[in-house]
Amino acid sequence: MRDEAAVGGPGRETGGWQPPVELNTGIPHPARMYDYYLGGKDNFPADREAAEQVIAAMPDARLGARINRDFLGRAVEFAVQRGVRQFLDIGTGIPAVGSTGEVAHRVAPDARVVYVDNDPIVLTHSRALLAHHPVGHTTVLHADLRDPEAILGDPGLKEAIDLSRPVALMLVAVLHFVRDEEGAAGILARLRDALAPGSLLIMSHGTQDFMTPEAVAETTRIYSRASSPLVLRTKEQVQDFFGDFEFVDPGLVQLPLWRPQTELPENWQQAAPAYAGVAVKR
């Protein structure tokens, strides 16, 4: 799942922080691999080894991670501009500069943000970060995207977010770690149904459409040994996850092309083999 560089972690002064007992550091985790792509230190040797293998197959993987982060920030700002003040970010990763909460609270201090992740290291760092740097209203939940009922029924979610009012549902670089046989389509349908009219679905998702067959084979092979295998999908498959939500301009596009605010790097097409889109529930 998506990850962010955080305060604390291996190699930093963290006030006695230790990895949670249930944390298996010997198996690469996509969130911690992503942290490594972004230059963070909240990862372990197994994560770094797997991430370096991905970089060998896709030399622009680090740039792709930054491009994905930039999309998240633009999408959150867009949601705030539309008047949305509630954010449900599933597959959060370790919060850092440019995270959903930071962007939302910078432009709308009254925003309410709920982070959801299933990785113990994410929960540990998120709660420590919020304890030391409380900004706005932020809740952190330990749950898994594969169990939407647990997320929607969590008392912490119900206390933080009013589902009868518009919510920005953030699924940024996370759904490609849920296999079809795990019910990816049904999970999205349940989450969409729970949202009120005026809500937004904000999503980025990896695709093979812009990758060589060799890169696809090697990348999926590497992630097959991680805690969550990588499932690359076509544009049509990703579009189906939005259901009957109505896309805002420019629709579902390659990741860097969603309302860019700066000039794109020369190698953006290779660096960001993913689709991104924002859609509204009418």
C-alpha atoms as a PDB file:
ATOM      1  CA  MET A   1       0.000   0.000   0.000  1.00  0.00           C
ATOM      2  CA  ARG A   2       0.999   3.532  -0.445  1.00  0.00           C
ATOM      3  CA  ASP A   3       3.555   4.885   2.011  1.00  0.00           C
ATOM      4  CA  GLU A   4       5.071   8.195   2.974  1.00  0.00           C
ATOM      5  CA  ALA A   5       8.335   9.154   4.677  1.00  0.00           C
ATOM      6  CA  ALA A   6       7.672   9.711   8.383  1.00  0.00           C
ATOM      7  CA  VAL A   7       9.102  10.941  11.641  1.00  0.00           C
ATOM      8  CA  GLY A   8      10.821   8.083  13.390  1.00  0.00           C
ATOM      9  CA  GLY A   9      11.883   4.726  12.021  1.00  0.00           C
ATOM     10  CA  PRO A  10      15.072   2.707  11.688  1.00  0.00           C
ATOM     11  CA  GLY A  11      18.173   4.839  11.869  1.00  0.00           C
ATOM     12  CA  ARG A  12      16.479   7.822  13.574  1.00  0.00           C
ATOM     13  CA  GLU A  13      16.086   9.043  17.114  1.00  0.00           C
ATOM     14  CA  THR A  14      12.534   8.002  17.955  1.00  0.00           C
ATOM     15  CA  GLY A  15      12.319   8.124  21.726  1.00  0.00           C
ATOM     16  CA  GLY A  16      12.693   4.376  22.138  1.00  0.00           C
ATOM     17  CA  TRP A  17      10.480   3.355  19.225  1.00  0.00           C
ATOM     18  CA  GLN A  18      10.647  -0.346  18.392  1.00  0.00           C
ATOM     19  CA  PRO A  19       8.889  -2.233  15.597  1.00  0.00           C
ATOM     20  CA  PRO A  20       5.587  -3.756  16.789  1.00  0.00           C
ATOM     21  CA  VAL A  21       5.869  -7.403  17.773  1.00  0.00           C
ATOM     22  CA  GLU A  22       3.450  -8.498  15.035  1.00  0.00           C
ATOM     23  CA  LEU A  23       5.519  -6.748  12.354  1.00  0.00           C
ATOM     24  CA  ASN A  24       7.209  -9.242  10.030  1.00  0.00           C
ATOM     25  CA  THR A  25      10.244  -7.340   8.821  1.00  0.00           C
ATOM     26  CA  GLY A  26      11.517 -10.247   6.743  1.00  0.00           C
ATOM     27  CA  ILE A  27       8.745  -9.982   4.144  1.00  0.00           C
ATOM     28  CA  PRO A  28       8.730  -6.915   1.862  1.00  0.00           C
ATOM     29  CA  HIS A  29       5.684  -4.706   2.367  1.00  0.00           C
ATOM     30  CA  PRO A  30       4.517  -2.430  -0.484  1.00  0.00           C
ATOM     31  CA  ALA A  31       4.042   0.496   1.907  1.00  0.00           C
ATOM     32  CA  ARG A  32       7.589   0.327   3.201  1.00  0.00           C
ATOM     33  CA  MET A  33       8.938  -0.249  -0.308  1.00  0.00           C
ATOM     34  CA  TYR A  34       7.169   2.934  -1.332  1.00  0.00           C
ATOM     35  CA  ASP A  35       8.708   4.735   1.589  1.00  0.00           C
ATOM     36  CA  TYR A  36      12.096   3.678   0.217  1.00  0.00           C
ATOM     37  CA  TYR A  37      11.244   4.988  -3.270  1.00  0.00           C
ATOM     38  CA  LEU A  38      10.417   8.338  -1.688  1.00  0.00           C
ATOM     39  CA  GLY A  39      13.708   8.486   0.191  1.00  0.00           C
ATOM     40  CA  GLY A  40      12.278   7.613   3.599  1.00  0.00           C
ATOM     41  CA  LYS A  41      13.946   5.557   6.312  1.00  0.00           C
ATOM     42  CA  ASP A  42      10.928   3.686   7.625  1.00  0.00           C
ATOM     43  CA  ASN A  43      11.777   0.437   5.888  1.00  0.00           C
ATOM     44  CA  PHE A  44      13.774  -2.714   6.466  1.00  0.00           C
ATOM     45  CA  PRO A  45      16.393  -4.694   4.502  1.00  0.00           C
ATOM     46  CA  ALA A  46      13.792  -6.928   2.849  1.00  0.00           C
ATOM     47  CA  ASP A  47      11.867  -3.852   1.702  1.00  0.00           C
ATOM     48  CA  ARG A  48      14.976  -2.158   0.360  1.00  0.00           C
ATOM     49  CA  GLU A  49      16.158  -5.273  -1.465  1.00  0.00           C
ATOM     50  CA  ALA A  50      12.796  -5.744  -3.191  1.00  0.00           C
ATOM     51  CA  ALA A  51      12.530  -2.035  -4.017  1.00  0.00           C
ATOM     52  CA  GLU A  52      15.987  -2.047  -5.592  1.00  0.00           C
ATOM     53  CA  GLN A  53      14.939  -4.977  -7.741  1.00  0.00           C
ATOM     54  CA  VAL A  54      11.930  -2.981  -8.932  1.00  0.00           C
ATOM     55  CA  ILE A  55      14.199  -0.014  -9.663  1.00  0.00           C
ATOM     56  CA  ALA A  56      16.439  -2.293 -11.703  1.00  0.00           C
ATOM     57  CA  ALA A  57      13.436  -3.296 -13.795  1.00  0.00           C
ATOM     58  CA  MET A  58      11.955   0.225 -13.829  1.00  0.00           C
ATOM     59  CA  PRO A  59      14.759   2.784 -13.364  1.00  0.00           C
ATOM     60  CA  ASP A  60      12.266   5.643 -12.990  1.00  0.00           C
ATOM     61  CA  ALA A  61      10.368   4.064 -10.076  1.00  0.00           C
ATOM     62  CA  ARG A  62      11.474   6.786  -7.640  1.00  0.00           C
ATOM     63  CA  LEU A  63      10.228   9.505  -9.968  1.00  0.00           C
ATOM     64  CA  GLY A  64       6.973   7.610 -10.371  1.00  0.00           C
ATOM     65  CA  ALA A  65       6.481   7.646  -6.599  1.00  0.00           C
ATOM     66  CA  ARG A  66       6.935  11.419  -6.513  1.00  0.00           C
ATOM     67  CA  ILE A  67       4.545  11.864  -9.435  1.00  0.00           C
ATOM     68  CA  ASN A  68       1.955   9.845  -7.539  1.00  0.00           C
ATOM     69  CA  ARG A  69       2.466  12.018  -4.462  1.00  0.00           C
ATOM     70  CA  ASP A  70       1.947  15.145  -6.519  1.00  0.00           C
ATOM     71  CA  PHE A  71      -1.330  13.770  -7.888  1.00  0.00           C
ATOM     72  CA  LEU A  72      -2.572  13.122  -4.366  1.00  0.00           C
ATOM     73  CA  GLY A  73      -1.889  16.722  -3.380  1.00  0.00           C
ATOM     74  CA  ARG A  74      -3.626  18.176  -6.429  1.00  0.00           C
ATOM     75  CA  ALA A  75      -6.643  15.935  -5.923  1.00  0.00           C
ATOM     76  CA  VAL A  76      -6.993  16.876  -2.248  1.00  0.00           C
ATOM     77  CA  GLU A  77      -6.809  20.557  -3.126  1.00  0.00           C
ATOM     78  CA  PHE A  78      -9.466  20.007  -5.788  1.00  0.00           C
ATOM     79  CA  ALA A  79     -11.739  18.317  -3.240  1.00  0.00           C
ATOM     80  CA  VAL A  80     -11.352  21.187  -0.796  1.00  0.00           C
ATOM     81  CA  GLN A  81     -12.116  23.704  -3.534  1.00  0.00           C
ATOM     82  CA  ARG A  82     -15.373  21.833  -4.160  1.00  0.00           C
ATOM     83  CA  GLY A  83     -16.280  22.258  -0.500  1.00  0.00           C
ATOM     84  CA  VAL A  84     -15.456  18.738   0.683  1.00  0.00           C
ATOM     85  CA  ARG A  85     -14.202  18.710   4.272  1.00  0.00           C
ATOM     86  CA  GLN A  86     -14.137  14.982   5.013  1.00  0.00           C
ATOM     87  CA  PHE A  87     -11.416  12.623   3.775  1.00  0.00           C
ATOM     88  CA  LEU A  88     -11.271   8.846   4.077  1.00  0.00           C
ATOM     89  CA  ASP A  89      -7.781   7.751   3.022  1.00  0.00           C
ATOM     90  CA  ILE A  90      -7.512   3.956   2.796  1.00  0.00           C
ATOM     91  CA  GLY A  91      -4.041   2.492   2.389  1.00  0.00           C
ATOM     92  CA  THR A  92      -2.526   5.613   3.842  1.00  0.00           C
ATOM     93  CA  GLY A  93       1.065   4.655   4.399  1.00  0.00           C
ATOM     94  CA  ILE A  94       3.336   6.525   6.776  1.00  0.00           C
ATOM     95  CA  PRO A  95       2.344  10.217   6.808  1.00  0.00           C
ATOM     96  CA  ALA A  96       4.845  12.816   5.681  1.00  0.00           C
ATOM     97  CA  VAL A  97       5.079  16.072   3.783  1.00  0.00           C
ATOM     98  CA  GLY A  98       2.361  16.128   1.161  1.00  0.00           C
ATOM     99  CA  SER A  99       0.114  13.566   2.855  1.00  0.00           C
ATOM    100  CA  THR A 100      -3.664  13.861   2.657  1.00  0.00           C
ATOM    101  CA  GLY A 101      -3.975  15.365   6.110  1.00  0.00           C
ATOM    102  CA  GLU A 102      -1.220  17.903   5.645  1.00  0.00           C
ATOM    103  CA  VAL A 103      -2.584  19.158   2.328  1.00  0.00           C
ATOM    104  CA  ALA A 104      -6.197  19.190   3.499  1.00  0.00           C
ATOM    105  CA  HIS A 105      -5.475  21.018   6.750  1.00  0.00           C
ATOM    106  CA  ARG A 106      -3.219  23.528   5.037  1.00  0.00           C
ATOM    107  CA  VAL A 107      -6.046  24.720   2.813  1.00  0.00           C
ATOM    108  CA  ALA A 108      -8.965  23.856   5.107  1.00  0.00           C
ATOM    109  CA  PRO A 109      -8.081  23.709   8.816  1.00  0.00           C
ATOM    110  CA  ASP A 110     -11.567  22.386   9.625  1.00  0.00           C
ATOM    111  CA  ALA A 111     -11.123  19.281   7.439  1.00  0.00           C
ATOM    112  CA  ARG A 112     -11.607  15.907   9.085  1.00  0.00           C
ATOM    113  CA  VAL A 113      -9.272  13.140   7.937  1.00  0.00           C
ATOM    114  CA  VAL A 114      -9.416   9.409   8.638  1.00  0.00           C
ATOM    115  CA  TYR A 115      -6.346   7.335   7.787  1.00  0.00           C
ATOM    116  CA  VAL A 116      -6.783   3.573   7.339  1.00  0.00           C
ATOM    117  CA  ASP A 117      -3.937   1.084   6.932  1.00  0.00           C
ATOM    118  CA  ASN A 118      -3.207  -2.549   7.767  1.00  0.00           C
ATOM    119  CA  ASP A 119       0.551  -2.284   8.377  1.00  0.00           C
ATOM    120  CA  PRO A 120       1.543  -2.045  12.077  1.00  0.00           C
ATOM    121  CA  ILE A 121       4.497   0.226  11.297  1.00  0.00           C
ATOM    122  CA  VAL A 122       2.129   2.664   9.617  1.00  0.00           C
ATOM    123  CA  LEU A 123      -0.143   2.749  12.645  1.00  0.00           C
ATOM    124  CA  THR A 124       2.746   3.221  15.050  1.00  0.00           C
ATOM    125  CA  HIS A 125       4.267   6.110  13.141  1.00  0.00           C
ATOM    126  CA  SER A 126       0.981   7.765  12.255  1.00  0.00           C
ATOM    127  CA  ARG A 127      -0.128   7.889  15.864  1.00  0.00           C
ATOM    128  CA  ALA A 128       3.278   9.074  17.050  1.00  0.00           C
ATOM    129  CA  LEU A 129       3.300  11.798  14.417  1.00  0.00           C
ATOM    130  CA  LEU A 130      -0.161  12.988  15.357  1.00  0.00           C
ATOM    131  CA  ALA A 131       0.701  12.953  19.052  1.00  0.00           C
ATOM    132  CA  HIS A 132       3.725  15.192  18.511  1.00  0.00           C
ATOM    133  CA  HIS A 133       2.344  17.341  15.699  1.00  0.00           C
ATOM    134  CA  PRO A 134      -1.445  17.471  16.025  1.00  0.00           C
ATOM    135  CA  VAL A 135      -2.837  19.437  13.100  1.00  0.00           C
ATOM    136  CA  GLY A 136      -6.574  19.578  12.513  1.00  0.00           C
ATOM    137  CA  HIS A 137      -8.836  16.616  13.184  1.00  0.00           C
ATOM    138  CA  THR A 138      -7.188  13.335  12.176  1.00  0.00           C
ATOM    139  CA  THR A 139      -8.100   9.760  13.108  1.00  0.00           C
ATOM    140  CA  VAL A 140      -5.963   6.668  12.451  1.00  0.00           C
ATOM    141  CA  LEU A 141      -7.630   3.253  12.075  1.00  0.00           C
ATOM    142  CA  HIS A 142      -6.060  -0.201  11.835  1.00  0.00           C
ATOM    143  CA  ALA A 143      -8.094  -1.957   9.156  1.00  0.00           C
ATOM    144  CA  ASP A 144      -7.773  -3.541   5.723  1.00  0.00           C
ATOM    145  CA  LEU A 145      -9.250  -2.417   2.425  1.00  0.00           C
ATOM    146  CA  ARG A 146     -10.304  -6.027   1.856  1.00  0.00           C
ATOM    147  CA  ASP A 147     -12.815  -5.694   4.721  1.00  0.00           C
ATOM    148  CA  PRO A 148     -14.914  -2.619   3.882  1.00  0.00           C
ATOM    149  CA  GLU A 149     -17.561  -3.519   6.454  1.00  0.00           C
ATOM    150  CA  ALA A 150     -14.994  -3.294   9.242  1.00  0.00           C
ATOM    151  CA  ILE A 151     -13.887   0.106   7.992  1.00  0.00           C
ATOM    152  CA  LEU A 152     -17.377   1.516   7.597  1.00  0.00           C
ATOM    153  CA  GLY A 153     -18.521   0.082  10.919  1.00  0.00           C
ATOM    154  CA  ASP A 154     -15.523   1.257  12.949  1.00  0.00           C
ATOM    155  CA  PRO A 155     -16.627   3.537  15.838  1.00  0.00           C
ATOM    156  CA  GLY A 156     -13.634   5.785  15.130  1.00  0.00           C
ATOM    157  CA  LEU A 157     -14.815   6.368  11.586  1.00  0.00           C
ATOM    158  CA  LYS A 158     -18.367   7.060  12.683  1.00  0.00           C
ATOM    159  CA  GLU A 159     -17.126   9.559  15.252  1.00  0.00           C
ATOM    160  CA  ALA A 160     -14.892  11.385  12.788  1.00  0.00           C
ATOM    161  CA  ILE A 161     -16.892  11.347   9.567  1.00  0.00           C
ATOM    162  CA  ASP A 162     -20.565  11.902   8.776  1.00  0.00           C
ATOM    163  CA  LEU A 163     -21.295   9.612   5.853  1.00  0.00           C
ATOM    164  CA  SER A 164     -24.532  11.465   5.148  1.00  0.00           C
ATOM    165  CA  ARG A 165     -22.393  14.367   3.927  1.00  0.00           C
ATOM    166  CA  PRO A 166     -19.855  14.415   1.050  1.00  0.00           C
ATOM    167  CA  VAL A 167     -16.596  12.531   1.609  1.00  0.00           C
ATOM    168  CA  ALA A 168     -13.451  12.302  -0.511  1.00  0.00           C
ATOM    169  CA  LEU A 169     -12.608   8.606  -0.644  1.00  0.00           C
ATOM    170  CA  MET A 170      -8.863   8.308  -1.319  1.00  0.00           C
ATOM    171  CA  LEU A 171      -7.632   5.077  -2.906  1.00  0.00           C
ATOM    172  CA  VAL A 172      -4.260   6.258  -4.155  1.00  0.00           C
ATOM    173  CA  ALA A 173      -1.904   3.498  -5.315  1.00  0.00           C
ATOM    174  CA  VAL A 174      -3.572   0.853  -3.176  1.00  0.00           C
ATOM    175  CA  LEU A 175      -6.225  -1.053  -5.137  1.00  0.00           C
ATOM    176  CA  HIS A 176      -3.584  -2.663  -7.335  1.00  0.00           C
ATOM    177  CA  PHE A 177      -2.631  -4.684  -4.260  1.00  0.00           C
ATOM    178  CA  VAL A 178      -6.090  -6.288  -4.097  1.00  0.00           C
ATOM    179  CA  ARG A 179      -6.673  -9.250  -6.397  1.00  0.00           C
ATOM    180  CA  ASP A 180      -9.888  -9.858  -8.317  1.00  0.00           C
ATOM    181  CA  GLU A 181     -10.435 -13.096  -6.395  1.00  0.00           C
ATOM    182  CA  GLU A 182     -10.289 -11.091  -3.161  1.00  0.00           C
ATOM    183  CA  GLY A 183     -13.339  -9.176  -4.358  1.00  0.00           C
ATOM    184  CA  ALA A 184     -11.819  -5.924  -5.590  1.00  0.00           C
ATOM    185  CA  ALA A 185     -14.914  -4.950  -7.587  1.00  0.00           C
ATOM    186  CA  GLY A 186     -17.290  -5.727  -4.720  1.00  0.00           C
ATOM    187  CA  ILE A 187     -15.140  -3.807  -2.256  1.00  0.00           C
ATOM    188  CA  LEU A 188     -15.319  -0.706  -4.429  1.00  0.00           C
ATOM    189  CA  ALA A 189     -19.065  -1.094  -4.934  1.00  0.00           C
ATOM    190  CA  ARG A 190     -19.614  -1.291  -1.142  1.00  0.00           C
ATOM    191  CA  LEU A 191     -17.512   1.788  -0.492  1.00  0.00           C
ATOM    192  CA  ARG A 192     -19.177   3.774  -3.290  1.00  0.00           C
ATOM    193  CA  ASP A 193     -22.626   2.852  -2.007  1.00  0.00           C
ATOM    194  CA  ALA A 194     -21.748   4.144   1.468  1.00  0.00           C
ATOM    195  CA  LEU A 195     -20.965   7.641   0.179  1.00  0.00           C
ATOM    196  CA  ALA A 196     -23.400  10.536   0.016  1.00  0.00           C
ATOM    197  CA  PRO A 197     -24.121  12.461  -3.207  1.00  0.00           C
ATOM    198  CA  GLY A 198     -21.421  15.033  -3.842  1.00  0.00           C
ATOM    199  CA  SER A 199     -18.707  12.651  -2.622  1.00  0.00           C
ATOM    200  CA  LEU A 200     -15.532  12.095  -4.614  1.00  0.00           C
ATOM    201  CA  LEU A 201     -13.641   8.935  -5.492  1.00  0.00           C
ATOM    202  CA  ILE A 202      -9.944   9.774  -5.926  1.00  0.00           C
ATOM    203  CA  MET A 203      -7.868   6.914  -7.297  1.00  0.00           C
ATOM    204  CA  SER A 204      -4.557   6.060  -8.906  1.00  0.00           C
ATOM    205  CA  HIS A 205      -3.863   2.523 -10.072  1.00  0.00           C
ATOM    206  CA  GLY A 206      -0.927   0.760 -11.703  1.00  0.00           C
ATOM    207  CA  THR A 207      -1.267  -0.505 -15.260  1.00  0.00           C
ATOM    208  CA  GLN A 208       0.663  -2.590 -17.738  1.00  0.00           C
ATOM    209  CA  ASP A 209      -0.535  -0.358 -20.585  1.00  0.00           C
ATOM    210  CA  PHE A 210       2.657   1.725 -20.557  1.00  0.00           C
ATOM    211  CA  MET A 211       5.169  -0.993 -19.620  1.00  0.00           C
ATOM    212  CA  THR A 212       7.224  -3.432 -21.634  1.00  0.00           C
ATOM    213  CA  PRO A 213       6.286  -7.101 -21.208  1.00  0.00           C
ATOM    214  CA  GLU A 214       9.666  -7.670 -19.552  1.00  0.00           C
ATOM    215  CA  ALA A 215       9.078  -4.913 -16.984  1.00  0.00           C
ATOM    216  CA  VAL A 216       5.580  -6.235 -16.254  1.00  0.00           C
ATOM    217  CA  ALA A 217       6.869  -9.766 -15.675  1.00  0.00           C
ATOM    218  CA  GLU A 218       9.768  -8.698 -13.455  1.00  0.00           C
ATOM    219  CA  THR A 219       7.799  -6.192 -11.379  1.00  0.00           C
ATOM    220  CA  THR A 220       4.918  -8.554 -10.686  1.00  0.00           C
ATOM    221  CA  ARG A 221       7.416 -11.312  -9.873  1.00  0.00           C
ATOM    222  CA  ILE A 222       9.084  -9.143  -7.238  1.00  0.00           C
ATOM    223  CA  TYR A 223       5.816  -8.089  -5.631  1.00  0.00           C
ATOM    224  CA  SER A 224       4.599 -11.686  -5.610  1.00  0.00           C
ATOM    225  CA  ARG A 225       7.056 -12.235  -2.753  1.00  0.00           C
ATOM    226  CA  ALA A 226       5.754  -9.227  -0.819  1.00  0.00           C
ATOM    227  CA  SER A 227       2.867  -9.190   1.636  1.00  0.00           C
ATOM    228  CA  SER A 228       0.521  -8.047  -1.155  1.00  0.00           C
ATOM    229  CA  PRO A 229       1.005  -9.066  -4.810  1.00  0.00           C
ATOM    230  CA  LEU A 230       0.801  -6.388  -7.496  1.00  0.00           C
ATOM    231  CA  VAL A 231      -2.179  -6.532  -9.871  1.00  0.00           C
ATOM    232  CA  LEU A 232      -1.715  -4.337 -12.937  1.00  0.00           C
ATOM    233  CA  ARG A 233      -4.970  -3.548 -14.737  1.00  0.00           C
ATOM    234  CA  THR A 234      -6.038  -2.019 -18.047  1.00  0.00           C
ATOM    235  CA  LYS A 235      -7.707   1.362 -18.403  1.00  0.00           C
ATOM    236  CA  GLU A 236     -11.096  -0.290 -18.888  1.00  0.00           C
ATOM    237  CA  GLN A 237     -10.665  -2.345 -15.725  1.00  0.00           C
ATOM    238  CA  VAL A 238      -9.662   0.688 -13.676  1.00  0.00           C
ATOM    239  CA  GLN A 239     -12.536   2.722 -15.081  1.00  0.00           C
ATOM    240  CA  ASP A 240     -14.992   0.044 -13.976  1.00  0.00           C
ATOM    241  CA  PHE A 241     -13.981   0.639 -10.348  1.00  0.00           C
ATOM    242  CA  PHE A 242     -15.542   4.109 -10.528  1.00  0.00           C
ATOM    243  CA  GLY A 243     -18.976   2.625 -11.223  1.00  0.00           C
ATOM    244  CA  ASP A 244     -21.515   5.252 -12.223  1.00  0.00           C
ATOM    245  CA  PHE A 245     -19.575   8.115 -10.656  1.00  0.00           C
ATOM    246  CA  GLU A 246     -19.052  10.991 -13.100  1.00  0.00           C
ATOM    247  CA  PHE A 247     -15.445  11.825 -13.964  1.00  0.00           C
ATOM    248  CA  VAL A 248     -14.302  15.420 -13.665  1.00  0.00           C
ATOM    249  CA  ASP A 249     -12.025  16.755 -16.401  1.00  0.00           C
ATOM    250  CA  PRO A 250      -9.715  15.409 -17.735  1.00  0.00           C
ATOM    251  CA  GLY A 251     -11.255  12.018 -16.929  1.00  0.00           C
ATOM    252  CA  LEU A 252      -9.221   8.867 -16.353  1.00  0.00           C
ATOM    253  CA  VAL A 253      -5.741   9.622 -17.679  1.00  0.00           C
ATOM    254  CA  GLN A 254      -2.146   8.560 -17.241  1.00  0.00           C
ATOM    255  CA  LEU A 255      -1.082   9.670 -13.778  1.00  0.00           C
ATOM    256  CA  PRO A 256       0.966  12.820 -14.539  1.00  0.00           C
ATOM    257  CA  LEU A 257      -1.707  14.174 -16.899  1.00  0.00           C
ATOM    258  CA  TRP A 258      -4.324  14.752 -14.204  1.00  0.00           C
ATOM    259  CA  ARG A 259      -4.327  18.561 -14.010  1.00  0.00           C
ATOM    260  CA  PRO A 260      -0.531  19.057 -13.894  1.00  0.00           C
ATOM    261  CA  GLN A 261       0.655  22.290 -12.329  1.00  0.00           C
ATOM    262  CA  THR A 262       4.279  22.113 -13.424  1.00  0.00           C
ATOM    263  CA  GLU A 263       6.123  21.046 -16.544  1.00  0.00           C
ATOM    264  CA  LEU A 264       6.348  17.286 -16.839  1.00  0.00           C
ATOM    265  CA  PRO A 265       9.772  15.593 -16.756  1.00  0.00           C
ATOM    266  CA  GLU A 266      11.004  14.202 -20.059  1.00  0.00           C
ATOM    267  CA  ASN A 267      10.642  10.584 -18.945  1.00  0.00           C
ATOM    268  CA  TRP A 268       7.199  10.911 -17.353  1.00  0.00           C
ATOM    269  CA  GLN A 269       5.604   8.301 -19.625  1.00  0.00           C
ATOM    270  CA  GLN A 270       7.973   5.575 -18.452  1.00  0.00           C
ATOM    271  CA  ALA A 271       8.089   6.776 -14.851  1.00  0.00           C
ATOM    272  CA  ALA A 272       4.363   6.655 -14.186  1.00  0.00           C
ATOM    273  CA  PRO A 273       2.709   3.510 -15.585  1.00  0.00           C
ATOM    274  CA  ALA A 274      -0.554   4.238 -13.808  1.00  0.00           C
ATOM    275  CA  TYR A 275      -3.971   5.778 -14.334  1.00  0.00           C
ATOM    276  CA  ALA A 276      -5.494   8.487 -12.176  1.00  0.00           C
ATOM    277  CA  GLY A 277      -8.943   9.972 -11.956  1.00  0.00           C
ATOM    278  CA  VAL A 278     -11.394  11.847  -9.762  1.00  0.00           C
ATOM    279  CA  ALA A 279     -15.123  11.205 -10.055  1.00  0.00           C
ATOM    280  CA  VAL A 280     -18.239  12.587  -8.370  1.00  0.00           C
ATOM    281  CA  LYS A 281     -21.253  10.755  -7.000  1.00  0.00           C
ATOM    282  CA  ARG A 282     -24.366  12.452  -8.311  1.00  0.00           C
END
